[in-house]
Amino acid sequence: MHTLLPTSIVGSLPKPTWLAQPETLWSPWKLEGDALVEGKQDALLIAVQEQSRRGIDIISDGEQTRQHFVTTFIEHLSGVDFEQRKTVRIRDRYDASVPTVVGAVSRERPVFVDDARFLRETTDRPIKWTLPGPMTMVDTLYDDHYRSREKLAWEFATILNQEARELEAAGVDIIQFDEPSFNVFFDEVKDWGVATLERAAEGLRAQTAVHICYGYGIKANTDWKATLGSQWRQYEESFPLLQRSAIDIVSLECQHSHVPMDLIELIRGKKVMLGAIDVASETIETPQEVADTLRRALAFVDADKLIPSTNCGMAPFPRDVALAKLSSLSAGTNIIREELAS
């Protein structure tokens, strides 16, 4: 990728209404069998086309083939019982009914590799694929087997590394691990969180990224954000550790958040995937607002290491809102490219 300030999205885009219920997380599929397989591929093609048409440089699948960014991966693993469910506290924020780890976890076959190969065939642009991070996977389950968050995280890290290596072989240029839990469990991040993340990324030639945000724009997350005060300084806990890690790219939330911009200095030397699009509001950013955010960020990250992006996934948005935000992201980025070229 030689484009200055290459744009990207963090994760999800809204699914077509004929595939799943719009503006809904964990939305059930409206199709079955072969029709569902074809429908997912059609939705992926649309996501690629819309990203390309709206000026996104690093293309992703928009998570069109999965219901949820964590559980869709987990449901393909052995050792996890989705019928035996327990209610747990997710990221110390809200209660959810989750599957139970009942035995040794393992990956018997690739999970997303066929989808990634299909994505690779649809575009000549660099492609990015997202996987859940080990700590966030642990936090989305009830563990009745290992009974140790750390032990389970190391098992998941090994499984993720297997998947990531096959994604790389399928032509994926950037593999992103989603770790919103890094903004909550600070002691675990220090003790084993970053180490298990590095294990998941071990030996990859593809670029690696970790995405740490404050969550989708849903009520449980916005209510939590309201308790965090005038400055959100959670990144101070993980950024120094990530700066010393083998991870290539750090993805963070910025637009309309209370994250002090100067915290980016803590990951100096890393590539920064900067959230310049708010996913908690349907208001469309103007290109100038995006440009203002990027301009401020450039005081703390070199231009050749800045990747303008979204704060988080946009699955809960109406499609027209999400796509308009993509257009603003690329238009605002172009403003800064022209300023840097002059």
Foldseek 3Di string as FASTA:
>chain_A
DPDFQAADAFAAAAFDVQFFPFLDALTDGNDDDPVNVVSLLVRQLVQQVLLVVLRHQAGESNCSNDRHQQVLVVVQKPQKDQVDWDWDQALVFDIDIAIERREQIAHPDARCLVVLLSSVVNDPGAYEYEHEALLNNLRRYHYPYPPDSQVSSLSVLQRLLVNVQSSVVSPHQEYEYECQSLLRCLVCCVPPRLVSRCSSVPPDPHAYEYEHAQDALDPSSVVVLVPCPQARDSVVRNLLVVLPGPHAEYEAEDAPHRHPLQSLLSNEPHQYAYALAERNDLDADALQSSLVRVVVNCVRYPSNRYHYYHRHRNRSDDNVSVSSNSSSSSSNVVVVVVVVVD
